[in-house]
């Protein structure tokens, strides 16, 4: 199973429907590549970070630095 197929499966298990799960997987892969290029992280570090955000966000939690703030007016 490819990395993309695994991500599609994970997104589907987290509640995304077919086409939406595929789009989410593609976005995760793209952002992972961006983090590797921009921050010099390994691919594993970048994907671990993104999956942590995904799972915690799905359950309504935030990680430090992602608490948000007052929405723009």
Protein backbone atom coordinates (compact mmCIF):
# COMPACT_ATOMS: atom_id res chain seq x y z
CA UNK A 1 0.00 0.00 0.00
CA UNK A 2 1.41 3.40 -0.95
CA UNK A 3 1.78 6.30 1.44
CA UNK A 4 -1.11 8.07 -0.28
CA UNK A 5 -3.35 5.01 -0.01
CA UNK A 6 -2.54 4.73 3.68
CA UNK A 7 -3.41 8.38 4.23
CA UNK A 8 -6.66 8.05 2.28
CA UNK A 9 -7.57 5.07 4.46
CA UNK A 10 -6.70 6.97 7.64
CA UNK A 11 -8.73 10.02 6.61
CA UNK A 12 -11.68 7.78 5.77
CA UNK A 13 -11.45 6.09 9.20
CA UNK A 14 -11.46 9.54 10.78
CA UNK A 15 -14.74 10.33 9.03
CA UNK A 16 -13.90 11.81 5.63
CA UNK A 17 -15.95 10.42 2.76
CA UNK A 18 -14.33 8.96 -0.39
CA UNK A 19 -13.40 11.99 -2.49
CA UNK A 20 -12.81 14.16 0.57
CA UNK A 21 -10.44 11.56 2.07
CA UNK A 22 -8.40 11.57 -1.14
CA UNK A 23 -8.20 15.38 -1.20
CA UNK A 24 -7.14 15.44 2.46
CA UNK A 25 -4.44 12.83 1.77
CA UNK A 26 -3.11 14.89 -1.14
CA UNK A 27 -3.04 18.01 1.04
CA UNK A 28 -1.16 16.16 3.78
CA UNK A 29 1.43 14.92 1.30
CA UNK A 30 1.87 18.39 -0.21
CA UNK A 31 2.21 20.06 3.20
CA UNK A 32 4.65 17.36 4.28
CA UNK A 33 6.88 18.17 1.31
CA UNK A 34 6.64 21.88 2.15
CA UNK A 35 7.70 21.30 5.77
CA UNK A 36 10.66 19.23 4.63
CA UNK A 37 11.77 21.96 2.22
CA UNK A 38 11.01 24.98 4.41
CA UNK A 39 12.03 23.76 7.85
CA UNK A 40 14.58 21.12 7.00
CA UNK A 41 12.66 18.43 8.85
CA UNK A 42 12.88 14.80 7.87
CA UNK A 43 9.86 13.41 6.07
CA UNK A 44 9.05 11.31 9.14
CA UNK A 45 9.14 14.37 11.43
CA UNK A 46 6.94 16.37 9.09
CA UNK A 47 4.36 13.61 8.67
CA UNK A 48 4.33 12.90 12.42
CA UNK A 49 3.63 16.59 13.07
CA UNK A 50 0.82 16.70 10.51
CA UNK A 51 -0.80 13.49 11.72
CA UNK A 52 -0.67 14.76 15.30
CA UNK A 53 -2.46 17.93 14.19
CA UNK A 54 -5.00 15.88 12.25
CA UNK A 55 -5.85 13.48 15.05
CA UNK A 56 -5.91 16.10 17.80
CA UNK A 57 -7.90 18.50 15.63
CA UNK A 58 -10.41 15.74 14.89
CA UNK A 59 -10.97 15.33 18.64
CA UNK A 60 -11.17 19.09 19.24
CA UNK A 61 -7.75 19.44 20.87
CA UNK A 62 -4.94 21.81 19.98
CA UNK A 63 -1.21 21.52 20.35
CA UNK A 64 0.90 24.35 21.77
CA UNK A 65 1.19 27.12 19.20
CA UNK A 66 -2.14 26.32 17.55
CA UNK A 67 -4.47 27.73 20.18
CA UNK A 68 -5.65 30.35 17.77
CA UNK A 69 -6.74 33.77 18.75
CA UNK A 70 -9.50 36.22 18.22
CA UNK A 71 -10.92 35.84 14.71
CA UNK A 72 -10.38 38.77 12.33
CA UNK A 73 -13.13 41.37 12.29
